[in-house]
């Protein structure tokens, strides 16, 4: 792959077992192909520790710590205290996430448990003045309601799957919208319409790797250098220069995590 962009992946899961065999090789590859930064997002209790560890071992990796709605039952009495402890000792933990609601799978924890865990973590983000990485699947209305309960908190709604109207509501609350490889799929009309309608300074690009690989790698294990295809596609949709778009997305990321370049 021709390394033409300076890529920041705003949402990845490199502690996932899909990378256990060759994580080091993948990191070498993506670095050679222009990746300058990655936000690794925890999802389960165990991934709090593994995400923290990755940020300490690799200078280009930042971390977000939180409990994903699918794993809401991982939230124990002292879990928030443990997250605070990690954050107090590591300035590369820059966000709370991945948190939110997922009503897609029937076997997920109940909606009430998910909402309670989401609120507790939003409250933590407010307390620590950190952005949040929000997961919202088939739960747009409830997600938005909880976001509105915490007006001081901002962040990104990752792997965005909602309508243009929902995106505009999120932006009004100060959130960024994260786009994955889905934007490159032929049937992605809804996502394409959101990209068209929202301002470029509210867009972030992400892999959600190892999932969601963009065309032409759909179905393969995803990795951060594949963001090249996402940047190119978004620039095409918005009819703007892809290199300028790339730099804009990077600026947006640094603004999100409240760090200077």
C-alpha atoms as a PDB file:
ATOM      1  CA  UNK A   1       0.000   0.000   0.000  1.00  0.00           C
ATOM      2  CA  UNK A   2       1.307   3.404  -0.932  1.00  0.00           C
ATOM      3  CA  UNK A   3       1.763   5.395   2.276  1.00  0.00           C
ATOM      4  CA  UNK A   4       0.231   8.708   1.353  1.00  0.00           C
ATOM      5  CA  UNK A   5      -1.768   9.768   4.393  1.00  0.00           C
ATOM      6  CA  UNK A   6      -0.780  10.440   7.999  1.00  0.00           C
ATOM      7  CA  UNK A   7      -3.350   8.188   9.596  1.00  0.00           C
ATOM      8  CA  UNK A   8      -4.907   8.392  13.045  1.00  0.00           C
ATOM      9  CA  UNK A   9      -7.268   5.538  13.897  1.00  0.00           C
ATOM     10  CA  UNK A  10      -9.781   6.913  16.390  1.00  0.00           C
ATOM     11  CA  UNK A  11     -11.145   3.496  17.413  1.00  0.00           C
ATOM     12  CA  UNK A  12      -9.319   0.157  17.502  1.00  0.00           C
ATOM     13  CA  UNK A  13      -9.150  -3.032  19.565  1.00  0.00           C
ATOM     14  CA  UNK A  14      -5.551  -4.214  19.208  1.00  0.00           C
ATOM     15  CA  UNK A  15      -5.733  -6.098  22.495  1.00  0.00           C
ATOM     16  CA  UNK A  16      -8.262  -8.398  20.774  1.00  0.00           C
ATOM     17  CA  UNK A  17      -7.200 -12.043  20.479  1.00  0.00           C
ATOM     18  CA  UNK A  18      -7.385 -11.701  16.665  1.00  0.00           C
ATOM     19  CA  UNK A  19      -3.945 -10.039  16.935  1.00  0.00           C
ATOM     20  CA  UNK A  20      -2.377 -12.434  19.457  1.00  0.00           C
ATOM     21  CA  UNK A  21      -0.300 -14.298  16.868  1.00  0.00           C
ATOM     22  CA  UNK A  22       1.240 -11.329  15.046  1.00  0.00           C
ATOM     23  CA  UNK A  23       0.514  -8.061  16.865  1.00  0.00           C
ATOM     24  CA  UNK A  24       4.113  -6.856  16.533  1.00  0.00           C
ATOM     25  CA  UNK A  25       4.169  -7.569  12.785  1.00  0.00           C
ATOM     26  CA  UNK A  26       0.868  -5.716  12.297  1.00  0.00           C
ATOM     27  CA  UNK A  27       2.203  -2.704  14.206  1.00  0.00           C
ATOM     28  CA  UNK A  28       5.334  -2.640  12.023  1.00  0.00           C
ATOM     29  CA  UNK A  29       3.173  -2.815   8.877  1.00  0.00           C
ATOM     30  CA  UNK A  30       0.753  -0.059   9.847  1.00  0.00           C
ATOM     31  CA  UNK A  31       3.573   2.236  10.984  1.00  0.00           C
ATOM     32  CA  UNK A  32       5.315   1.772   7.617  1.00  0.00           C
ATOM     33  CA  UNK A  33       2.022   2.566   5.896  1.00  0.00           C
ATOM     34  CA  UNK A  34       1.558   5.953   7.523  1.00  0.00           C
ATOM     35  CA  UNK A  35      -0.227   5.296  10.824  1.00  0.00           C
ATOM     36  CA  UNK A  36       0.880   7.915  13.358  1.00  0.00           C
ATOM     37  CA  UNK A  37      -1.678   7.342  16.114  1.00  0.00           C
ATOM     38  CA  UNK A  38      -4.267   4.877  17.411  1.00  0.00           C
ATOM     39  CA  UNK A  39      -6.906   5.102  20.129  1.00  0.00           C
ATOM     40  CA  UNK A  40      -7.278   1.607  21.571  1.00  0.00           C
ATOM     41  CA  UNK A  41     -10.683   1.255  23.222  1.00  0.00           C
ATOM     42  CA  UNK A  42     -11.325  -1.149  26.066  1.00  0.00           C
ATOM     43  CA  UNK A  43     -14.572  -3.110  25.986  1.00  0.00           C
ATOM     44  CA  UNK A  44     -14.473  -5.620  28.849  1.00  0.00           C
ATOM     45  CA  UNK A  45     -13.085  -5.707  32.371  1.00  0.00           C
ATOM     46  CA  UNK A  46     -10.009  -7.653  31.203  1.00  0.00           C
ATOM     47  CA  UNK A  47      -9.353  -5.172  28.402  1.00  0.00           C
ATOM     48  CA  UNK A  48      -8.928  -2.312  30.892  1.00  0.00           C
ATOM     49  CA  UNK A  49      -5.592  -3.842  31.828  1.00  0.00           C
ATOM     50  CA  UNK A  50      -4.582  -4.907  28.303  1.00  0.00           C
ATOM     51  CA  UNK A  51      -5.386  -1.461  26.861  1.00  0.00           C
ATOM     52  CA  UNK A  52      -3.397   0.262  29.609  1.00  0.00           C
ATOM     53  CA  UNK A  53      -0.490  -2.089  28.854  1.00  0.00           C
ATOM     54  CA  UNK A  54      -0.534  -1.343  25.087  1.00  0.00           C
ATOM     55  CA  UNK A  55      -0.359   2.413  25.721  1.00  0.00           C
ATOM     56  CA  UNK A  56       2.715   1.897  27.890  1.00  0.00           C
ATOM     57  CA  UNK A  57       4.478  -0.343  25.369  1.00  0.00           C
ATOM     58  CA  UNK A  58       3.843   1.659  22.168  1.00  0.00           C
ATOM     59  CA  UNK A  59       4.338   5.393  21.864  1.00  0.00           C
ATOM     60  CA  UNK A  60       1.737   5.809  19.082  1.00  0.00           C
ATOM     61  CA  UNK A  61      -1.106   4.173  21.040  1.00  0.00           C
ATOM     62  CA  UNK A  62      -3.495   6.114  23.285  1.00  0.00           C
ATOM     63  CA  UNK A  63      -6.160   4.408  25.360  1.00  0.00           C
ATOM     64  CA  UNK A  64      -9.828   4.707  26.311  1.00  0.00           C
ATOM     65  CA  UNK A  65     -11.054   2.737  29.316  1.00  0.00           C
ATOM     66  CA  UNK A  66     -14.636   1.645  29.832  1.00  0.00           C
ATOM     67  CA  UNK A  67     -17.095  -1.241  29.821  1.00  0.00           C
ATOM     68  CA  UNK A  68     -18.951  -1.980  26.556  1.00  0.00           C
ATOM     69  CA  UNK A  69     -22.735  -2.499  26.847  1.00  0.00           C
ATOM     70  CA  UNK A  70     -22.423  -6.155  25.774  1.00  0.00           C
ATOM     71  CA  UNK A  71     -20.249  -6.627  28.857  1.00  0.00           C
ATOM     72  CA  UNK A  72     -22.293  -4.438  31.218  1.00  0.00           C
ATOM     73  CA  UNK A  73     -22.334  -7.289  33.744  1.00  0.00           C
ATOM     74  CA  UNK A  74     -18.539  -6.830  34.085  1.00  0.00           C
ATOM     75  CA  UNK A  75     -19.247  -3.603  35.991  1.00  0.00           C
ATOM     76  CA  UNK A  76     -18.677  -4.407  39.656  1.00  0.00           C
ATOM     77  CA  UNK A  77     -18.822  -2.176  42.710  1.00  0.00           C
ATOM     78  CA  UNK A  78     -15.197  -1.055  42.458  1.00  0.00           C
ATOM     79  CA  UNK A  79     -14.723  -1.084  38.642  1.00  0.00           C
ATOM     80  CA  UNK A  80     -15.019   2.701  38.304  1.00  0.00           C
ATOM     81  CA  UNK A  81     -12.425   3.151  41.043  1.00  0.00           C
ATOM     82  CA  UNK A  82     -10.094   0.813  39.159  1.00  0.00           C
ATOM     83  CA  UNK A  83     -10.581   2.832  35.959  1.00  0.00           C
ATOM     84  CA  UNK A  84      -9.791   6.031  37.891  1.00  0.00           C
ATOM     85  CA  UNK A  85      -6.662   4.391  39.270  1.00  0.00           C
ATOM     86  CA  UNK A  86      -5.407   3.471  35.777  1.00  0.00           C
ATOM     87  CA  UNK A  87      -6.101   7.008  34.548  1.00  0.00           C
ATOM     88  CA  UNK A  88      -4.347   8.678  37.483  1.00  0.00           C
ATOM     89  CA  UNK A  89      -1.160   6.744  36.696  1.00  0.00           C
ATOM     90  CA  UNK A  90      -1.167   7.008  32.895  1.00  0.00           C
ATOM     91  CA  UNK A  91      -1.615  10.248  30.967  1.00  0.00           C
ATOM     92  CA  UNK A  92      -1.999   8.272  27.726  1.00  0.00           C
ATOM     93  CA  UNK A  93      -5.475   7.197  28.837  1.00  0.00           C
ATOM     94  CA  UNK A  94      -7.400  10.035  27.210  1.00  0.00           C
ATOM     95  CA  UNK A  95     -11.068   8.960  27.163  1.00  0.00           C
ATOM     96  CA  UNK A  96     -13.783   6.838  28.774  1.00  0.00           C
ATOM     97  CA  UNK A  97     -14.958   4.105  26.425  1.00  0.00           C
ATOM     98  CA  UNK A  98     -16.187   2.153  24.787  1.00  0.00           C
ATOM     99  CA  UNK A  99     -19.486   2.789  26.555  1.00  0.00           C
ATOM    100  CA  UNK A 100     -23.121   3.029  25.491  1.00  0.00           C
ATOM    101  CA  UNK A 101     -26.103   0.873  24.559  1.00  0.00           C
ATOM    102  CA  UNK A 102     -26.499  -2.177  22.321  1.00  0.00           C
ATOM    103  CA  UNK A 103     -30.017  -3.492  21.790  1.00  0.00           C
ATOM    104  CA  UNK A 104     -29.087  -5.630  18.775  1.00  0.00           C
ATOM    105  CA  UNK A 105     -28.281  -8.920  20.487  1.00  0.00           C
ATOM    106  CA  UNK A 106     -31.005 -10.527  22.601  1.00  0.00           C
ATOM    107  CA  UNK A 107     -28.405 -12.185  24.824  1.00  0.00           C
ATOM    108  CA  UNK A 108     -26.956  -8.820  25.869  1.00  0.00           C
ATOM    109  CA  UNK A 109     -27.534  -7.614  29.446  1.00  0.00           C
ATOM    110  CA  UNK A 110     -30.987  -6.074  29.991  1.00  0.00           C
ATOM    111  CA  UNK A 111     -31.651  -2.547  28.752  1.00  0.00           C
ATOM    112  CA  UNK A 112     -31.958  -1.337  32.346  1.00  0.00           C
ATOM    113  CA  UNK A 113     -28.548  -2.733  33.330  1.00  0.00           C
ATOM    114  CA  UNK A 114     -26.970  -1.290  30.171  1.00  0.00           C
ATOM    115  CA  UNK A 115     -28.463   2.145  30.874  1.00  0.00           C
ATOM    116  CA  UNK A 116     -27.304   2.122  34.480  1.00  0.00           C
ATOM    117  CA  UNK A 117     -23.735   1.171  33.501  1.00  0.00           C
ATOM    118  CA  UNK A 118     -23.737   3.783  30.713  1.00  0.00           C
ATOM    119  CA  UNK A 119     -24.878   6.508  33.134  1.00  0.00           C
ATOM    120  CA  UNK A 120     -22.286   5.574  35.728  1.00  0.00           C
ATOM    121  CA  UNK A 121     -19.509   5.856  33.152  1.00  0.00           C
ATOM    122  CA  UNK A 122     -20.868   9.142  31.745  1.00  0.00           C
ATOM    123  CA  UNK A 123     -20.779  10.439  35.298  1.00  0.00           C
ATOM    124  CA  UNK A 124     -17.150   9.329  35.622  1.00  0.00           C
ATOM    125  CA  UNK A 125     -16.284  11.159  32.381  1.00  0.00           C
ATOM    126  CA  UNK A 126     -17.921  14.293  33.765  1.00  0.00           C
ATOM    127  CA  UNK A 127     -16.009  13.963  37.030  1.00  0.00           C
ATOM    128  CA  UNK A 128     -12.653  13.483  35.255  1.00  0.00           C
ATOM    129  CA  UNK A 129     -13.381  15.937  32.416  1.00  0.00           C
ATOM    130  CA  UNK A 130     -12.652  13.297  29.769  1.00  0.00           C
ATOM    131  CA  UNK A 131     -14.373  12.681  26.420  1.00  0.00           C
ATOM    132  CA  UNK A 132     -16.424   9.520  25.885  1.00  0.00           C
ATOM    133  CA  UNK A 133     -16.374   6.944  23.097  1.00  0.00           C
ATOM    134  CA  UNK A 134     -20.006   5.963  22.591  1.00  0.00           C
ATOM    135  CA  UNK A 135     -21.293   2.698  21.149  1.00  0.00           C
ATOM    136  CA  UNK A 136     -24.899   2.901  19.944  1.00  0.00           C
ATOM    137  CA  UNK A 137     -26.496  -0.020  18.163  1.00  0.00           C
ATOM    138  CA  UNK A 138     -30.250  -0.099  17.585  1.00  0.00           C
ATOM    139  CA  UNK A 139     -30.585   2.249  20.584  1.00  0.00           C
ATOM    140  CA  UNK A 140     -30.508   5.756  19.110  1.00  0.00           C
ATOM    141  CA  UNK A 141     -33.281   7.320  21.198  1.00  0.00           C
ATOM    142  CA  UNK A 142     -32.139   5.988  24.569  1.00  0.00           C
ATOM    143  CA  UNK A 143     -28.505   6.816  23.764  1.00  0.00           C
ATOM    144  CA  UNK A 144     -29.426  10.397  22.889  1.00  0.00           C
ATOM    145  CA  UNK A 145     -31.512  10.807  26.045  1.00  0.00           C
ATOM    146  CA  UNK A 146     -28.604   9.742  28.251  1.00  0.00           C
ATOM    147  CA  UNK A 147     -26.177  11.966  26.319  1.00  0.00           C
ATOM    148  CA  UNK A 148     -28.539  14.882  27.026  1.00  0.00           C
ATOM    149  CA  UNK A 149     -28.482  14.102  30.768  1.00  0.00           C
ATOM    150  CA  UNK A 150     -24.756  14.932  30.780  1.00  0.00           C
ATOM    151  CA  UNK A 151     -24.454  18.213  28.829  1.00  0.00           C
ATOM    152  CA  UNK A 152     -20.918  18.816  30.128  1.00  0.00           C
ATOM    153  CA  UNK A 153     -19.691  15.577  28.524  1.00  0.00           C
ATOM    154  CA  UNK A 154     -18.695  15.338  24.859  1.00  0.00           C
ATOM    155  CA  UNK A 155     -16.947  12.731  22.750  1.00  0.00           C
ATOM    156  CA  UNK A 156     -17.613  10.669  19.654  1.00  0.00           C
ATOM    157  CA  UNK A 157     -20.484   8.439  18.569  1.00  0.00           C
ATOM    158  CA  UNK A 158     -18.403   5.719  16.979  1.00  0.00           C
ATOM    159  CA  UNK A 159     -19.270   3.448  14.049  1.00  0.00           C
ATOM    160  CA  UNK A 160     -22.177   5.755  13.350  1.00  0.00           C
ATOM    161  CA  UNK A 161     -25.319   3.997  12.092  1.00  0.00           C
ATOM    162  CA  UNK A 162     -28.047   6.587  12.681  1.00  0.00           C
ATOM    163  CA  UNK A 163     -29.890   9.070  10.487  1.00  0.00           C
ATOM    164  CA  UNK A 164     -28.804  12.537   9.389  1.00  0.00           C
ATOM    165  CA  UNK A 165     -31.205  13.980  11.995  1.00  0.00           C
ATOM    166  CA  UNK A 166     -29.667  11.884  14.776  1.00  0.00           C
ATOM    167  CA  UNK A 167     -26.156  12.923  13.683  1.00  0.00           C
ATOM    168  CA  UNK A 168     -27.174  16.585  13.838  1.00  0.00           C
ATOM    169  CA  UNK A 169     -28.590  16.092  17.359  1.00  0.00           C
ATOM    170  CA  UNK A 170     -25.289  14.525  18.464  1.00  0.00           C
ATOM    171  CA  UNK A 171     -23.298  17.386  16.916  1.00  0.00           C
ATOM    172  CA  UNK A 172     -25.524  19.921  18.707  1.00  0.00           C
ATOM    173  CA  UNK A 173     -24.445  18.287  21.963  1.00  0.00           C
ATOM    174  CA  UNK A 174     -20.793  18.754  20.968  1.00  0.00           C
ATOM    175  CA  UNK A 175     -20.067  15.227  19.736  1.00  0.00           C
ATOM    176  CA  UNK A 176     -18.002  14.032  16.790  1.00  0.00           C
ATOM    177  CA  UNK A 177     -19.287  11.352  14.418  1.00  0.00           C
ATOM    178  CA  UNK A 178     -17.032   8.333  13.783  1.00  0.00           C
ATOM    179  CA  UNK A 179     -17.096   6.531  10.429  1.00  0.00           C
ATOM    180  CA  UNK A 180     -15.758   3.025   9.800  1.00  0.00           C
ATOM    181  CA  UNK A 181     -15.179   1.012   6.627  1.00  0.00           C
ATOM    182  CA  UNK A 182     -18.969   0.749   6.268  1.00  0.00           C
ATOM    183  CA  UNK A 183     -18.811   4.050   4.343  1.00  0.00           C
ATOM    184  CA  UNK A 184     -17.005   2.192   1.529  1.00  0.00           C
ATOM    185  CA  UNK A 185     -19.689  -0.506   1.151  1.00  0.00           C
ATOM    186  CA  UNK A 186     -21.921  -0.375  -1.921  1.00  0.00           C
ATOM    187  CA  UNK A 187     -25.128  -0.522   0.137  1.00  0.00           C
ATOM    188  CA  UNK A 188     -24.091   2.215   2.594  1.00  0.00           C
ATOM    189  CA  UNK A 189     -26.581   4.845   1.389  1.00  0.00           C
ATOM    190  CA  UNK A 190     -27.612   5.980   4.875  1.00  0.00           C
ATOM    191  CA  UNK A 191     -24.040   6.498   6.086  1.00  0.00           C
ATOM    192  CA  UNK A 192     -23.112   8.285   2.853  1.00  0.00           C
ATOM    193  CA  UNK A 193     -26.007  10.717   3.344  1.00  0.00           C
ATOM    194  CA  UNK A 194     -24.747  11.494   6.874  1.00  0.00           C
ATOM    195  CA  UNK A 195     -21.207  12.141   5.570  1.00  0.00           C
ATOM    196  CA  UNK A 196     -22.654  14.516   2.961  1.00  0.00           C
ATOM    197  CA  UNK A 197     -24.702  16.490   5.454  1.00  0.00           C
ATOM    198  CA  UNK A 198     -22.397  17.023   8.428  1.00  0.00           C
ATOM    199  CA  UNK A 199     -19.443  19.436   8.675  1.00  0.00           C
ATOM    200  CA  UNK A 200     -15.952  18.047   8.138  1.00  0.00           C
ATOM    201  CA  UNK A 201     -14.784  19.415  11.479  1.00  0.00           C
ATOM    202  CA  UNK A 202     -17.137  16.950  13.209  1.00  0.00           C
ATOM    203  CA  UNK A 203     -15.884  13.803  11.434  1.00  0.00           C
ATOM    204  CA  UNK A 204     -13.505  11.150  12.785  1.00  0.00           C
ATOM    205  CA  UNK A 205     -12.254   8.078  10.911  1.00  0.00           C
ATOM    206  CA  UNK A 206     -11.795   4.702  12.559  1.00  0.00           C
ATOM    207  CA  UNK A 207     -11.358   1.018  11.873  1.00  0.00           C
ATOM    208  CA  UNK A 208     -13.052  -0.687  14.859  1.00  0.00           C
ATOM    209  CA  UNK A 209     -10.436  -3.322  14.030  1.00  0.00           C
ATOM    210  CA  UNK A 210     -10.299  -6.296  13.892  1.00  0.00           C
ATOM    211  CA  UNK A 211     -13.885  -5.788  12.626  1.00  0.00           C
ATOM    212  CA  UNK A 212     -15.457  -3.716   9.828  1.00  0.00           C
ATOM    213  CA  UNK A 213     -12.710  -3.816   7.175  1.00  0.00           C
ATOM    214  CA  UNK A 214     -13.432  -1.423   4.286  1.00  0.00           C
ATOM    215  CA  UNK A 215     -13.639  -2.354   0.618  1.00  0.00           C
ATOM    216  CA  UNK A 216     -11.525  -3.791  -0.998  1.00  0.00           C
ATOM    217  CA  UNK A 217     -10.679  -5.791   2.145  1.00  0.00           C
ATOM    218  CA  UNK A 218     -14.214  -6.412   3.388  1.00  0.00           C
ATOM    219  CA  UNK A 219     -14.429  -9.644   5.367  1.00  0.00           C
ATOM    220  CA  UNK A 220     -10.712  -9.688   6.233  1.00  0.00           C
ATOM    221  CA  UNK A 221      -9.175  -8.804   9.565  1.00  0.00           C
ATOM    222  CA  UNK A 222      -9.108  -5.024   9.726  1.00  0.00           C
ATOM    223  CA  UNK A 223      -6.091  -2.849  10.623  1.00  0.00           C
ATOM    224  CA  UNK A 224      -5.399   0.853  10.912  1.00  0.00           C
ATOM    225  CA  UNK A 225      -3.670   1.477   7.575  1.00  0.00           C
ATOM    226  CA  UNK A 226      -6.916   0.474   5.816  1.00  0.00           C
ATOM    227  CA  UNK A 227      -8.237   3.887   6.912  1.00  0.00           C
ATOM    228  CA  UNK A 228      -6.671   5.066   3.647  1.00  0.00           C
ATOM    229  CA  UNK A 229      -9.797   3.771   1.879  1.00  0.00           C
ATOM    230  CA  UNK A 230     -12.134   5.496   4.340  1.00  0.00           C
ATOM    231  CA  UNK A 231     -10.398   8.877   3.993  1.00  0.00           C
ATOM    232  CA  UNK A 232     -10.447   8.608   0.191  1.00  0.00           C
ATOM    233  CA  UNK A 233     -14.150   7.670   0.144  1.00  0.00           C
ATOM    234  CA  UNK A 234     -15.238  10.457   2.525  1.00  0.00           C
ATOM    235  CA  UNK A 235     -13.250  13.012   0.499  1.00  0.00           C
ATOM    236  CA  UNK A 236     -14.983  11.716  -2.653  1.00  0.00           C
ATOM    237  CA  UNK A 237     -18.451  12.020  -1.077  1.00  0.00           C
ATOM    238  CA  UNK A 238     -17.738  15.531   0.187  1.00  0.00           C
ATOM    239  CA  UNK A 239     -15.892  16.531  -3.002  1.00  0.00           C
ATOM    240  CA  UNK A 240     -12.829  17.788  -1.150  1.00  0.00           C
ATOM    241  CA  UNK A 241      -9.096  17.183  -1.393  1.00  0.00           C
ATOM    242  CA  UNK A 242      -8.306  13.891   0.404  1.00  0.00           C
ATOM    243  CA  UNK A 243      -5.025  15.159   1.874  1.00  0.00           C
ATOM    244  CA  UNK A 244      -6.767  18.172   3.371  1.00  0.00           C
ATOM    245  CA  UNK A 245      -9.505  15.878   4.695  1.00  0.00           C
ATOM    246  CA  UNK A 246      -6.858  13.634   6.271  1.00  0.00           C
ATOM    247  CA  UNK A 247      -5.251  16.558   8.121  1.00  0.00           C
ATOM    248  CA  UNK A 248      -8.662  17.827   9.223  1.00  0.00           C
ATOM    249  CA  UNK A 249      -9.611  14.429  10.683  1.00  0.00           C
ATOM    250  CA  UNK A 250      -6.315  14.385  12.601  1.00  0.00           C
ATOM    251  CA  UNK A 251      -6.975  17.877  13.993  1.00  0.00           C
ATOM    252  CA  UNK A 252     -10.445  16.724  15.037  1.00  0.00           C
ATOM    253  CA  UNK A 253      -8.925  13.770  16.882  1.00  0.00           C
ATOM    254  CA  UNK A 254      -6.469  15.941  18.814  1.00  0.00           C
ATOM    255  CA  UNK A 255      -9.335  18.270  19.729  1.00  0.00           C
ATOM    256  CA  UNK A 256     -11.392  15.297  20.925  1.00  0.00           C
ATOM    257  CA  UNK A 257      -8.677  14.046  23.262  1.00  0.00           C
ATOM    258  CA  UNK A 258      -7.730  17.587  24.298  1.00  0.00           C
ATOM    259  CA  UNK A 259      -4.097  17.189  23.288  1.00  0.00           C
ATOM    260  CA  UNK A 260      -1.981  19.469  21.149  1.00  0.00           C
ATOM    261  CA  UNK A 261      -0.322  17.923  18.099  1.00  0.00           C
END
